[in-house]
Amino acid sequence: MRWLDRLLGRAAPDEAAVQTAQRWVVLDVETSGLDQASDRLMSIGAVAVHDRRIVVADSLELTIRQPSASTRQNILVHGIGAEAQLSGLDPKQACEVFLDYVGRSPLLAFHASFDRAFLIRAAKAFVGVPIGNAWIDLADLAPALHPGTGARALDDWLAHFDIPVDQRHNAAGDAFATAMLFLRLLGSVPPADRRPRQLQRIAAHARWLAR
């Protein structure tokens, strides 16, 4: 298993092969709250982009078993019912499945620091491994490529590009919407720069300008 390779310090997959395939994983998480130090990871939605094509067959949707169900008010926020919370995957198994799914692919999310914090804490707690993948935040990349739009939230950017979305506000739906946004953004990047490190630099430049 790839997560076990990380734990044992085995060699990573051939990075050249990864770059040739250029598989990106766009993800979103649902959590029990906004506190990255104490709230719990509840679900993960992810879909892969191969070069410039969303591959629905290469997707992931996990609900993670909770020690107790959320309050009704909390369920109205994240949309995961009490029964689904109590019958989800064991947290350790969920982390293993997630790590095997993403492999070494670069990870993308909107406001990625939030998703990253919850996923890193869960991986460390339940399987004892780091998540060393490259991360790209579309909340930084979008304004770097399209300055002056006034868009801030994911919904703003979807509306700006007139991207139709059938289902939102669950992890899988938000991941797919974010993947569609990523494809639009990628079209604004020269082919030679469509690599994780280059996109990270573009996003970092936007953060620097925002200071």
N, C-alpha and C. Protein backbone atom coordinates (compact mmCIF):
# COMPACT_ATOMS: atom_id res chain seq x y z
N MET A 1 0.84 -1.19 0.00
CA MET A 1 0.00 0.00 0.00
C MET A 1 0.87 1.25 0.00
N ARG A 2 0.43 2.30 -0.67
CA ARG A 2 1.24 3.49 -0.74
C ARG A 2 1.39 4.18 0.61
N TRP A 3 0.34 4.17 1.44
CA TRP A 3 0.47 4.80 2.76
C TRP A 3 1.48 4.06 3.61
N LEU A 4 1.56 2.72 3.43
CA LEU A 4 2.53 1.93 4.19
C LEU A 4 3.94 2.21 3.69
N ASP A 5 4.09 2.43 2.39
CA ASP A 5 5.39 2.80 1.85
C ASP A 5 5.90 4.07 2.52
N ARG A 6 5.00 5.02 2.74
CA ARG A 6 5.40 6.26 3.39
C ARG A 6 5.86 6.00 4.82
N LEU A 7 5.09 5.18 5.52
CA LEU A 7 5.39 4.89 6.93
C LEU A 7 6.75 4.20 7.05
N LEU A 8 7.07 3.31 6.13
CA LEU A 8 8.31 2.54 6.20
C LEU A 8 9.47 3.21 5.47
N GLY A 9 9.20 4.37 4.90
CA GLY A 9 10.27 5.10 4.24
C GLY A 9 10.69 4.51 2.92
N ARG A 10 9.80 3.78 2.27
CA ARG A 10 10.14 3.18 0.98
C ARG A 10 10.18 4.25 -0.10
N ALA A 11 10.76 3.90 -1.21
CA ALA A 11 10.91 4.85 -2.31
C ALA A 11 9.56 5.29 -2.83
N ALA A 12 9.45 6.56 -3.18
CA ALA A 12 8.22 7.10 -3.76
C ALA A 12 8.08 6.61 -5.19
N PRO A 13 6.85 6.61 -5.73
CA PRO A 13 6.68 6.25 -7.14
C PRO A 13 7.50 7.17 -8.04
N ASP A 14 7.81 6.71 -9.21
CA ASP A 14 8.60 7.46 -10.17
C ASP A 14 7.93 8.80 -10.46
N GLU A 15 8.57 9.92 -10.04
CA GLU A 15 7.96 11.23 -10.21
C GLU A 15 7.81 11.58 -11.69
N ALA A 16 8.75 11.11 -12.51
CA ALA A 16 8.64 11.41 -13.95
C ALA A 16 7.38 10.80 -14.53
N ALA A 17 7.05 9.59 -14.09
CA ALA A 17 5.83 8.94 -14.57
C ALA A 17 4.60 9.70 -14.12
N VAL A 18 4.64 10.19 -12.87
CA VAL A 18 3.51 10.97 -12.35
C VAL A 18 3.31 12.22 -13.19
N GLN A 19 4.45 12.91 -13.52
CA GLN A 19 4.35 14.13 -14.29
C GLN A 19 3.82 13.87 -15.69
N THR A 20 4.22 12.74 -16.28
CA THR A 20 3.76 12.42 -17.62
C THR A 20 2.24 12.25 -17.65
N ALA A 21 1.72 11.53 -16.66
CA ALA A 21 0.28 11.32 -16.59
C ALA A 21 -0.43 12.60 -16.18
N GLN A 22 0.22 13.44 -15.37
CA GLN A 22 -0.33 14.67 -14.83
C GLN A 22 -1.74 14.46 -14.28
N ARG A 23 -1.80 13.66 -13.25
CA ARG A 23 -3.05 13.43 -12.53
C ARG A 23 -3.12 14.40 -11.36
N TRP A 24 -4.18 15.18 -11.32
CA TRP A 24 -4.44 16.10 -10.22
C TRP A 24 -5.61 15.54 -9.40
N VAL A 25 -5.62 15.76 -8.11
CA VAL A 25 -6.76 15.37 -7.28
C VAL A 25 -7.36 16.62 -6.65
N VAL A 26 -8.60 16.89 -7.00
CA VAL A 26 -9.33 18.04 -6.46
C VAL A 26 -10.23 17.53 -5.35
N LEU A 27 -10.20 18.17 -4.19
CA LEU A 27 -10.92 17.60 -3.05
C LEU A 27 -11.64 18.66 -2.24
N ASP A 28 -12.51 18.15 -1.39
CA ASP A 28 -13.23 18.98 -0.42
C ASP A 28 -13.56 18.10 0.78
N VAL A 29 -13.65 18.71 1.95
CA VAL A 29 -13.99 17.95 3.15
C VAL A 29 -15.18 18.60 3.85
N GLU A 30 -15.89 17.78 4.60
CA GLU A 30 -16.91 18.27 5.54
C GLU A 30 -16.40 17.96 6.94
N THR A 31 -16.61 18.88 7.85
CA THR A 31 -16.11 18.73 9.22
C THR A 31 -17.20 19.06 10.22
N SER A 32 -16.95 18.70 11.48
CA SER A 32 -17.94 18.96 12.53
C SER A 32 -17.95 20.42 12.96
N GLY A 33 -16.98 21.19 12.51
CA GLY A 33 -16.89 22.60 12.86
C GLY A 33 -15.70 23.23 12.17
N LEU A 34 -15.35 24.44 12.57
CA LEU A 34 -14.29 25.19 11.90
C LEU A 34 -12.97 25.18 12.66
N ASP A 35 -12.96 24.59 13.86
CA ASP A 35 -11.75 24.56 14.66
C ASP A 35 -10.83 23.45 14.16
N GLN A 36 -9.73 23.82 13.53
CA GLN A 36 -8.84 22.84 12.92
C GLN A 36 -8.10 22.00 13.96
N ALA A 37 -8.09 22.45 15.21
CA ALA A 37 -7.37 21.73 16.25
C ALA A 37 -8.25 20.72 16.99
N SER A 38 -9.57 20.94 17.00
CA SER A 38 -10.41 20.07 17.82
C SER A 38 -11.61 19.48 17.11
N ASP A 39 -12.12 20.11 16.06
CA ASP A 39 -13.27 19.55 15.35
C ASP A 39 -12.84 18.35 14.51
N ARG A 40 -13.82 17.54 14.10
CA ARG A 40 -13.53 16.25 13.48
C ARG A 40 -13.77 16.28 11.97
N LEU A 41 -12.96 15.51 11.26
CA LEU A 41 -13.16 15.27 9.83
C LEU A 41 -14.32 14.30 9.68
N MET A 42 -15.30 14.66 8.85
CA MET A 42 -16.51 13.85 8.71
C MET A 42 -16.64 13.18 7.35
N SER A 43 -16.24 13.86 6.30
CA SER A 43 -16.33 13.24 4.98
C SER A 43 -15.31 13.86 4.05
N ILE A 44 -14.94 13.09 3.04
CA ILE A 44 -13.99 13.53 2.02
C ILE A 44 -14.60 13.25 0.66
N GLY A 45 -14.57 14.24 -0.20
CA GLY A 45 -14.96 14.06 -1.60
C GLY A 45 -13.79 14.44 -2.48
N ALA A 46 -13.52 13.67 -3.50
CA ALA A 46 -12.39 13.97 -4.38
C ALA A 46 -12.67 13.45 -5.78
N VAL A 47 -12.12 14.15 -6.76
CA VAL A 47 -12.24 13.70 -8.15
C VAL A 47 -10.92 14.03 -8.83
N ALA A 48 -10.48 13.16 -9.72
CA ALA A 48 -9.21 13.35 -10.40
C ALA A 48 -9.40 14.08 -11.72
N VAL A 49 -8.42 14.89 -12.03
CA VAL A 49 -8.32 15.53 -13.34
C VAL A 49 -7.08 14.97 -14.00
N HIS A 50 -7.25 14.35 -15.16
CA HIS A 50 -6.14 13.81 -15.93
C HIS A 50 -5.84 14.80 -17.05
N ASP A 51 -4.69 15.45 -16.96
CA ASP A 51 -4.35 16.54 -17.87
C ASP A 51 -5.44 17.61 -17.78
N ARG A 52 -6.32 17.71 -18.77
CA ARG A 52 -7.39 18.74 -18.71
C ARG A 52 -8.77 18.09 -18.83
N ARG A 53 -8.92 16.93 -18.21
CA ARG A 53 -10.20 16.22 -18.30
C ARG A 53 -10.58 15.67 -16.92
N ILE A 54 -11.79 15.98 -16.47
CA ILE A 54 -12.30 15.42 -15.23
C ILE A 54 -12.68 13.97 -15.48
N VAL A 55 -12.17 13.06 -14.65
CA VAL A 55 -12.44 11.63 -14.81
C VAL A 55 -13.30 11.19 -13.64
N VAL A 56 -14.61 11.15 -13.88
CA VAL A 56 -15.55 10.80 -12.80
C VAL A 56 -15.29 9.39 -12.29
N ALA A 57 -14.84 8.50 -13.18
CA ALA A 57 -14.55 7.13 -12.74
C ALA A 57 -13.40 7.08 -11.75
N ASP A 58 -12.58 8.12 -11.75
CA ASP A 58 -11.44 8.21 -10.82
C ASP A 58 -11.81 9.22 -9.73
N SER A 59 -12.75 8.83 -8.89
CA SER A 59 -13.23 9.73 -7.84
C SER A 59 -13.37 8.96 -6.53
N LEU A 60 -13.60 9.71 -5.47
CA LEU A 60 -13.67 9.11 -4.13
C LEU A 60 -14.67 9.88 -3.29
N GLU A 61 -15.47 9.14 -2.53
CA GLU A 61 -16.39 9.76 -1.58
C GLU A 61 -16.42 8.89 -0.33
N LEU A 62 -16.01 9.47 0.80
CA LEU A 62 -15.92 8.73 2.06
C LEU A 62 -16.68 9.46 3.15
N THR A 63 -17.43 8.72 3.93
CA THR A 63 -17.99 9.25 5.18
C THR A 63 -17.28 8.53 6.32
N ILE A 64 -16.78 9.29 7.27
CA ILE A 64 -15.97 8.74 8.34
C ILE A 64 -16.82 8.56 9.59
N ARG A 65 -16.74 7.38 10.18
CA ARG A 65 -17.53 7.07 11.36
C ARG A 65 -17.17 8.01 12.51
N GLN A 66 -18.21 8.51 13.17
CA GLN A 66 -18.04 9.44 14.28
C GLN A 66 -18.34 8.75 15.61
N PRO A 67 -17.70 9.18 16.70
CA PRO A 67 -17.98 8.58 18.00
C PRO A 67 -19.40 8.84 18.47
N SER A 68 -19.99 9.94 18.02
CA SER A 68 -21.39 10.26 18.33
C SER A 68 -21.91 11.17 17.23
N ALA A 69 -23.20 11.16 17.03
CA ALA A 69 -23.80 11.96 15.96
C ALA A 69 -23.85 13.43 16.35
N SER A 70 -23.77 14.29 15.35
CA SER A 70 -23.87 15.72 15.56
C SER A 70 -25.28 16.12 15.98
N THR A 71 -25.38 17.33 16.47
CA THR A 71 -26.70 17.87 16.78
C THR A 71 -27.45 18.15 15.48
N ARG A 72 -28.74 18.30 15.58
CA ARG A 72 -29.56 18.59 14.40
C ARG A 72 -29.10 19.88 13.73
N GLN A 73 -28.76 20.88 14.53
CA GLN A 73 -28.31 22.16 13.98
C GLN A 73 -27.02 21.97 13.17
N ASN A 74 -26.11 21.15 13.68
CA ASN A 74 -24.86 20.89 13.00
C ASN A 74 -25.09 20.10 11.71
N ILE A 75 -26.04 19.17 11.74
CA ILE A 75 -26.34 18.37 10.55
C ILE A 75 -26.88 19.26 9.43
N LEU A 76 -27.62 20.30 9.78
CA LEU A 76 -28.13 21.21 8.77
C LEU A 76 -27.00 21.95 8.05
N VAL A 77 -25.85 22.06 8.69
CA VAL A 77 -24.70 22.74 8.08
C VAL A 77 -23.96 21.81 7.13
N HIS A 78 -23.59 20.61 7.61
CA HIS A 78 -22.78 19.72 6.77
C HIS A 78 -23.60 18.69 6.00
N GLY A 79 -24.86 18.49 6.35
CA GLY A 79 -25.74 17.63 5.57
C GLY A 79 -25.51 16.14 5.71
N ILE A 80 -24.74 15.72 6.71
CA ILE A 80 -24.48 14.29 6.92
C ILE A 80 -25.34 13.82 8.08
N GLY A 81 -26.32 12.97 7.78
CA GLY A 81 -27.28 12.54 8.79
C GLY A 81 -26.66 11.69 9.89
N ALA A 82 -27.40 11.56 10.98
CA ALA A 82 -26.89 10.83 12.14
C ALA A 82 -26.56 9.38 11.79
N GLU A 83 -27.42 8.71 11.02
CA GLU A 83 -27.17 7.32 10.67
C GLU A 83 -25.90 7.17 9.84
N ALA A 84 -25.70 8.08 8.88
CA ALA A 84 -24.51 8.03 8.05
C ALA A 84 -23.26 8.28 8.88
N GLN A 85 -23.34 9.17 9.85
CA GLN A 85 -22.19 9.46 10.71
C GLN A 85 -21.78 8.23 11.52
N LEU A 86 -22.77 7.50 12.03
CA LEU A 86 -22.49 6.36 12.92
C LEU A 86 -22.14 5.09 12.15
N SER A 87 -22.42 5.06 10.84
CA SER A 87 -22.16 3.85 10.05
C SER A 87 -21.06 4.06 9.01
N GLY A 88 -20.33 5.16 9.13
CA GLY A 88 -19.27 5.45 8.17
C GLY A 88 -18.06 4.53 8.34
N LEU A 89 -17.06 4.75 7.51
CA LEU A 89 -15.83 3.95 7.58
C LEU A 89 -15.08 4.24 8.87
N ASP A 90 -14.45 3.21 9.42
CA ASP A 90 -13.54 3.39 10.53
C ASP A 90 -12.50 4.44 10.14
N PRO A 91 -12.18 5.41 11.03
CA PRO A 91 -11.26 6.49 10.66
C PRO A 91 -9.92 6.01 10.11
N LYS A 92 -9.35 4.97 10.70
CA LYS A 92 -8.08 4.45 10.21
C LYS A 92 -8.22 3.93 8.78
N GLN A 93 -9.28 3.16 8.54
CA GLN A 93 -9.50 2.63 7.20
C GLN A 93 -9.75 3.76 6.21
N ALA A 94 -10.51 4.76 6.62
CA ALA A 94 -10.79 5.89 5.73
C ALA A 94 -9.51 6.61 5.33
N CYS A 95 -8.61 6.80 6.28
CA CYS A 95 -7.34 7.46 5.98
C CYS A 95 -6.50 6.62 5.03
N GLU A 96 -6.49 5.31 5.23
CA GLU A 96 -5.73 4.43 4.35
C GLU A 96 -6.29 4.48 2.92
N VAL A 97 -7.61 4.44 2.81
CA VAL A 97 -8.25 4.50 1.49
C VAL A 97 -7.91 5.83 0.81
N PHE A 98 -8.00 6.91 1.57
CA PHE A 98 -7.70 8.23 1.00
C PHE A 98 -6.26 8.32 0.53
N LEU A 99 -5.32 7.88 1.35
CA LEU A 99 -3.90 7.97 0.99
C LEU A 99 -3.58 7.10 -0.22
N ASP A 100 -4.18 5.93 -0.29
CA ASP A 100 -3.98 5.07 -1.47
C ASP A 100 -4.56 5.72 -2.72
N TYR A 101 -5.69 6.39 -2.56
CA TYR A 101 -6.34 7.02 -3.71
C TYR A 101 -5.50 8.18 -4.25
N VAL A 102 -5.02 9.06 -3.38
CA VAL A 102 -4.33 10.24 -3.87
C VAL A 102 -2.92 9.90 -4.35
N GLY A 103 -2.27 8.88 -3.76
CA GLY A 103 -0.91 8.58 -4.14
C GLY A 103 -0.02 9.80 -3.98
N ARG A 104 0.73 10.12 -5.03
CA ARG A 104 1.61 11.29 -5.02
C ARG A 104 1.05 12.45 -5.85
N SER A 105 -0.20 12.35 -6.25
CA SER A 105 -0.79 13.39 -7.08
C SER A 105 -0.86 14.72 -6.32
N PRO A 106 -0.66 15.84 -7.01
CA PRO A 106 -0.86 17.14 -6.36
C PRO A 106 -2.32 17.30 -5.97
N LEU A 107 -2.55 17.98 -4.85
CA LEU A 107 -3.89 18.15 -4.29
C LEU A 107 -4.32 19.60 -4.45
N LEU A 108 -5.57 19.78 -4.86
CA LEU A 108 -6.12 21.11 -5.06
C LEU A 108 -7.43 21.26 -4.29
N ALA A 109 -7.64 22.43 -3.74
CA ALA A 109 -8.88 22.72 -3.04
C ALA A 109 -9.08 24.23 -3.04
N PHE A 110 -10.29 24.64 -2.71
CA PHE A 110 -10.58 26.07 -2.57
C PHE A 110 -10.47 26.39 -1.09
N HIS A 111 -9.59 27.34 -0.72
CA HIS A 111 -9.17 27.56 0.67
C HIS A 111 -8.54 26.27 1.20
N ALA A 112 -7.49 25.86 0.51
CA ALA A 112 -6.88 24.56 0.76
C ALA A 112 -6.31 24.39 2.16
N SER A 113 -5.93 25.48 2.81
CA SER A 113 -5.33 25.34 4.15
C SER A 113 -6.29 24.70 5.13
N PHE A 114 -7.59 24.93 4.96
CA PHE A 114 -8.59 24.33 5.83
C PHE A 114 -8.64 22.82 5.63
N ASP A 115 -8.81 22.39 4.38
CA ASP A 115 -8.86 20.95 4.08
C ASP A 115 -7.56 20.27 4.48
N ARG A 116 -6.46 20.92 4.18
CA ARG A 116 -5.14 20.35 4.45
C ARG A 116 -4.94 20.11 5.95
N ALA A 117 -5.35 21.07 6.78
CA ALA A 117 -5.16 20.93 8.22
C ALA A 117 -5.92 19.74 8.77
N PHE A 118 -7.17 19.55 8.35
CA PHE A 118 -7.96 18.43 8.85
C PHE A 118 -7.42 17.09 8.35
N LEU A 119 -7.02 17.05 7.09
CA LEU A 119 -6.51 15.79 6.52
C LEU A 119 -5.17 15.41 7.14
N ILE A 120 -4.30 16.38 7.33
CA ILE A 120 -3.00 16.09 7.93
C ILE A 120 -3.17 15.60 9.37
N ARG A 121 -4.05 16.24 10.12
CA ARG A 121 -4.26 15.83 11.51
C ARG A 121 -4.84 14.42 11.58
N ALA A 122 -5.80 14.10 10.69
CA ALA A 122 -6.40 12.76 10.69
C ALA A 122 -5.38 11.70 10.28
N ALA A 123 -4.58 11.97 9.25
CA ALA A 123 -3.58 11.00 8.80
C ALA A 123 -2.55 10.73 9.88
N LYS A 124 -2.14 11.76 10.57
CA LYS A 124 -1.17 11.59 11.64
C LYS A 124 -1.75 10.82 12.82
N ALA A 125 -3.02 11.12 13.16
CA ALA A 125 -3.64 10.49 14.32
C ALA A 125 -3.98 9.02 14.08
N PHE A 126 -4.45 8.69 12.88
CA PHE A 126 -4.99 7.35 12.66
C PHE A 126 -4.05 6.38 11.96
N VAL A 127 -3.13 6.89 11.14
CA VAL A 127 -2.19 5.99 10.48
C VAL A 127 -0.74 6.40 10.67
N GLY A 128 -0.52 7.52 11.32
CA GLY A 128 0.83 7.91 11.67
C GLY A 128 1.74 8.26 10.51
N VAL A 129 1.16 8.80 9.42
CA VAL A 129 1.98 9.17 8.28
C VAL A 129 1.68 10.61 7.88
N PRO A 130 2.66 11.29 7.28
CA PRO A 130 2.43 12.65 6.79
C PRO A 130 1.77 12.62 5.41
N ILE A 131 1.25 13.75 5.02
CA ILE A 131 0.76 13.93 3.65
C ILE A 131 1.71 14.91 2.99
N GLY A 132 2.64 14.38 2.19
CA GLY A 132 3.69 15.21 1.61
C GLY A 132 3.40 15.71 0.21
N ASN A 133 2.17 15.53 -0.25
CA ASN A 133 1.81 15.96 -1.60
C ASN A 133 1.89 17.48 -1.74
N ALA A 134 2.11 17.93 -2.96
CA ALA A 134 2.01 19.35 -3.26
C ALA A 134 0.56 19.80 -3.14
N TRP A 135 0.35 20.98 -2.58
CA TRP A 135 -0.99 21.55 -2.43
C TRP A 135 -1.08 22.84 -3.24
N ILE A 136 -2.22 23.04 -3.89
CA ILE A 136 -2.47 24.28 -4.64
C ILE A 136 -3.83 24.81 -4.21
N ASP A 137 -3.86 26.07 -3.82
CA ASP A 137 -5.09 26.69 -3.33
C ASP A 137 -5.72 27.49 -4.48
N LEU A 138 -6.89 27.05 -4.92
CA LEU A 138 -7.56 27.75 -6.02
C LEU A 138 -8.08 29.11 -5.59
N ALA A 139 -8.24 29.34 -4.29
CA ALA A 139 -8.66 30.65 -3.81
C ALA A 139 -7.55 31.68 -4.03
N ASP A 140 -6.31 31.23 -4.16
CA ASP A 140 -5.19 32.10 -4.52
C ASP A 140 -4.93 32.09 -6.02
N LEU A 141 -5.03 30.91 -6.62
CA LEU A 141 -4.71 30.78 -8.04
C LEU A 141 -5.71 31.56 -8.91
N ALA A 142 -6.98 31.51 -8.56
CA ALA A 142 -8.00 32.17 -9.39
C ALA A 142 -7.77 33.67 -9.53
N PRO A 143 -7.62 34.42 -8.42
CA PRO A 143 -7.39 35.86 -8.60
C PRO A 143 -6.03 36.20 -9.20
N ALA A 144 -5.05 35.28 -9.06
CA ALA A 144 -3.75 35.52 -9.70
C ALA A 144 -3.89 35.47 -11.21
N LEU A 145 -4.71 34.58 -11.71
CA LEU A 145 -4.90 34.43 -13.15
C LEU A 145 -5.95 35.38 -13.71
N HIS A 146 -6.90 35.77 -12.86
CA HIS A 146 -8.00 36.66 -13.30
C HIS A 146 -8.18 37.78 -12.29
N PRO A 147 -7.23 38.69 -12.22
CA PRO A 147 -7.32 39.78 -11.24
C PRO A 147 -8.45 40.75 -11.58
N GLY A 148 -8.94 41.42 -10.54
CA GLY A 148 -9.93 42.47 -10.75
C GLY A 148 -11.35 42.00 -10.95
N THR A 149 -11.63 40.71 -10.75
CA THR A 149 -13.00 40.23 -10.96
C THR A 149 -13.90 40.55 -9.78
N GLY A 150 -13.32 40.72 -8.61
CA GLY A 150 -14.12 40.95 -7.40
C GLY A 150 -14.65 39.67 -6.79
N ALA A 151 -14.40 38.53 -7.43
CA ALA A 151 -14.87 37.25 -6.89
C ALA A 151 -14.00 36.84 -5.72
N ARG A 152 -14.63 36.25 -4.69
CA ARG A 152 -13.90 35.80 -3.52
C ARG A 152 -14.25 34.35 -3.16
N ALA A 153 -15.52 34.07 -2.96
CA ALA A 153 -15.96 32.73 -2.58
C ALA A 153 -16.01 31.83 -3.81
N LEU A 154 -16.08 30.52 -3.55
CA LEU A 154 -16.18 29.56 -4.66
C LEU A 154 -17.41 29.84 -5.50
N ASP A 155 -18.53 30.12 -4.86
CA ASP A 155 -19.75 30.43 -5.62
C ASP A 155 -19.56 31.63 -6.54
N ASP A 156 -18.79 32.63 -6.06
CA ASP A 156 -18.52 33.81 -6.90
C ASP A 156 -17.77 33.43 -8.17
N TRP A 157 -16.77 32.57 -8.02
CA TRP A 157 -15.97 32.17 -9.18
C TRP A 157 -16.77 31.29 -10.13
N LEU A 158 -17.61 30.42 -9.58
CA LEU A 158 -18.45 29.59 -10.45
C LEU A 158 -19.40 30.47 -11.26
N ALA A 159 -19.94 31.49 -10.61
CA ALA A 159 -20.83 32.41 -11.31
C ALA A 159 -20.06 33.23 -12.34
N HIS A 160 -18.85 33.64 -12.00
CA HIS A 160 -18.04 34.45 -12.92
C HIS A 160 -17.77 33.70 -14.22
N PHE A 161 -17.50 32.42 -14.13
CA PHE A 161 -17.23 31.61 -15.31
C PHE A 161 -18.48 30.94 -15.87
N ASP A 162 -19.61 31.25 -15.27
CA ASP A 162 -20.89 30.67 -15.73
C ASP A 162 -20.82 29.15 -15.74
N ILE A 163 -20.29 28.60 -14.63
CA ILE A 163 -20.18 27.14 -14.50
C ILE A 163 -21.43 26.61 -13.83
N PRO A 164 -22.23 25.79 -14.51
CA PRO A 164 -23.44 25.24 -13.90
C PRO A 164 -23.10 24.15 -12.89
N VAL A 165 -23.75 24.19 -11.75
CA VAL A 165 -23.49 23.20 -10.70
C VAL A 165 -24.83 22.64 -10.25
N ASP A 166 -24.99 21.32 -10.36
CA ASP A 166 -26.24 20.68 -9.97
C ASP A 166 -26.31 20.41 -8.48
N GLN A 167 -25.18 20.08 -7.89
CA GLN A 167 -25.18 19.70 -6.48
C GLN A 167 -24.01 20.35 -5.78
N ARG A 168 -24.28 21.03 -4.66
CA ARG A 168 -23.24 21.69 -3.92
C ARG A 168 -23.45 21.45 -2.43
N HIS A 169 -22.46 21.90 -1.67
CA HIS A 169 -22.50 21.89 -0.21
C HIS A 169 -22.52 20.48 0.38
N ASN A 170 -21.94 19.53 -0.34
CA ASN A 170 -21.45 18.29 0.26
C ASN A 170 -20.07 18.08 -0.33
N ALA A 171 -19.26 17.23 0.29
CA ALA A 171 -17.86 17.13 -0.11
C ALA A 171 -17.69 16.73 -1.57
N ALA A 172 -18.45 15.74 -2.02
CA ALA A 172 -18.30 15.27 -3.39
C ALA A 172 -18.75 16.33 -4.40
N GLY A 173 -19.89 16.96 -4.12
CA GLY A 173 -20.40 18.00 -5.02
C GLY A 173 -19.47 19.19 -5.10
N ASP A 174 -18.94 19.61 -3.95
CA ASP A 174 -18.03 20.74 -3.94
C ASP A 174 -16.71 20.41 -4.63
N ALA A 175 -16.24 19.17 -4.48
CA ALA A 175 -15.01 18.76 -5.16
C ALA A 175 -15.20 18.81 -6.67
N PHE A 176 -16.34 18.35 -7.16
CA PHE A 176 -16.59 18.36 -8.60
C PHE A 176 -16.69 19.80 -9.11
N ALA A 177 -17.38 20.66 -8.34
CA ALA A 177 -17.49 22.07 -8.75
C ALA A 177 -16.11 22.73 -8.78
N THR A 178 -15.29 22.42 -7.80
CA THR A 178 -13.94 22.97 -7.74
C THR A 178 -13.10 22.46 -8.90
N ALA A 179 -13.31 21.20 -9.29
CA ALA A 179 -12.58 20.64 -10.43
C ALA A 179 -12.96 21.36 -11.73
N MET A 180 -14.23 21.71 -11.88
CA MET A 180 -14.64 22.44 -13.08
C MET A 180 -14.01 23.83 -13.11
N LEU A 181 -13.94 24.46 -11.93
CA LEU A 181 -13.25 25.75 -11.86
C LEU A 181 -11.78 25.58 -12.22
N PHE A 182 -11.15 24.54 -11.73
CA PHE A 182 -9.74 24.31 -12.02
C PHE A 182 -9.49 24.19 -13.52
N LEU A 183 -10.37 23.50 -14.22
CA LEU A 183 -10.20 23.36 -15.67
C LEU A 183 -10.24 24.72 -16.36
N ARG A 184 -11.16 25.59 -15.92
CA ARG A 184 -11.24 26.93 -16.50
C ARG A 184 -9.95 27.70 -16.23
N LEU A 185 -9.44 27.59 -15.01
CA LEU A 185 -8.22 28.30 -14.65
C LEU A 185 -7.03 27.76 -15.42
N LEU A 186 -6.99 26.44 -15.58
CA LEU A 186 -5.87 25.81 -16.27
C LEU A 186 -5.79 26.28 -17.72
N GLY A 187 -6.95 26.59 -18.29
CA GLY A 187 -6.97 27.09 -19.66
C GLY A 187 -6.30 28.44 -19.81
N SER A 188 -6.11 29.15 -18.68
CA SER A 188 -5.44 30.46 -18.71
C SER A 188 -3.94 30.35 -18.48
N VAL A 189 -3.46 29.13 -18.30
CA VAL A 189 -2.03 28.91 -18.02
C VAL A 189 -1.36 28.33 -19.25
N PRO A 190 -0.22 28.88 -19.68
CA PRO A 190 0.49 28.30 -20.82
C PRO A 190 0.81 26.83 -20.56
N PRO A 191 0.73 25.98 -21.58
CA PRO A 191 0.96 24.54 -21.40
C PRO A 191 2.25 24.22 -20.65
N ALA A 192 3.30 24.96 -20.88
CA ALA A 192 4.59 24.68 -20.23
C ALA A 192 4.54 24.92 -18.73
N ASP A 193 3.56 25.72 -18.28
CA ASP A 193 3.47 26.05 -16.86
C ASP A 193 2.41 25.23 -16.12
N ARG A 194 1.83 24.26 -16.79
CA ARG A 194 0.77 23.46 -16.16
C ARG A 194 1.38 22.31 -15.36
N ARG A 195 2.16 22.69 -14.36
CA ARG A 195 2.82 21.75 -13.47
C ARG A 195 2.65 22.25 -12.04
N PRO A 196 2.65 21.37 -11.07
CA PRO A 196 2.37 21.78 -9.69
C PRO A 196 3.24 22.93 -9.20
N ARG A 197 4.54 22.84 -9.42
CA ARG A 197 5.44 23.87 -8.89
C ARG A 197 5.16 25.23 -9.50
N GLN A 198 4.89 25.26 -10.80
CA GLN A 198 4.59 26.54 -11.46
C GLN A 198 3.28 27.13 -10.95
N LEU A 199 2.26 26.28 -10.77
CA LEU A 199 0.98 26.78 -10.27
C LEU A 199 1.11 27.27 -8.83
N GLN A 200 1.92 26.60 -8.04
CA GLN A 200 2.17 27.07 -6.67
C GLN A 200 2.81 28.46 -6.69
N ARG A 201 3.72 28.67 -7.60
CA ARG A 201 4.38 29.98 -7.69
C ARG A 201 3.39 31.07 -8.07
N ILE A 202 2.51 30.76 -9.02
CA ILE A 202 1.51 31.75 -9.43
C ILE A 202 0.60 32.08 -8.25
N ALA A 203 0.15 31.07 -7.52
CA ALA A 203 -0.72 31.29 -6.36
C ALA A 203 0.00 32.07 -5.27
N ALA A 204 1.27 31.75 -5.04
CA ALA A 204 2.05 32.44 -4.02
C ALA A 204 2.22 33.92 -4.37
N HIS A 205 2.36 34.22 -5.65
CA HIS A 205 2.47 35.61 -6.08
C HIS A 205 1.20 36.37 -5.73
N ALA A 206 0.04 35.73 -5.88
CA ALA A 206 -1.22 36.38 -5.54
C ALA A 206 -1.30 36.66 -4.05
N ARG A 207 -0.83 35.72 -3.23
CA ARG A 207 -0.84 35.94 -1.78
C ARG A 207 0.07 37.10 -1.39
N TRP A 208 1.21 37.19 -2.07
CA TRP A 208 2.16 38.25 -1.77
C TRP A 208 1.55 39.62 -2.13
N LEU A 209 0.86 39.71 -3.26
CA LEU A 209 0.26 40.97 -3.68
C LEU A 209 -0.87 41.39 -2.75
N ALA A 210 -1.53 40.39 -2.11
CA ALA A 210 -2.67 40.69 -1.24
C ALA A 210 -2.25 41.23 0.12
N ARG A 211 -0.98 41.16 0.44
CA ARG A 211 -0.50 41.63 1.76
C ARG A 211 -0.60 43.14 1.88
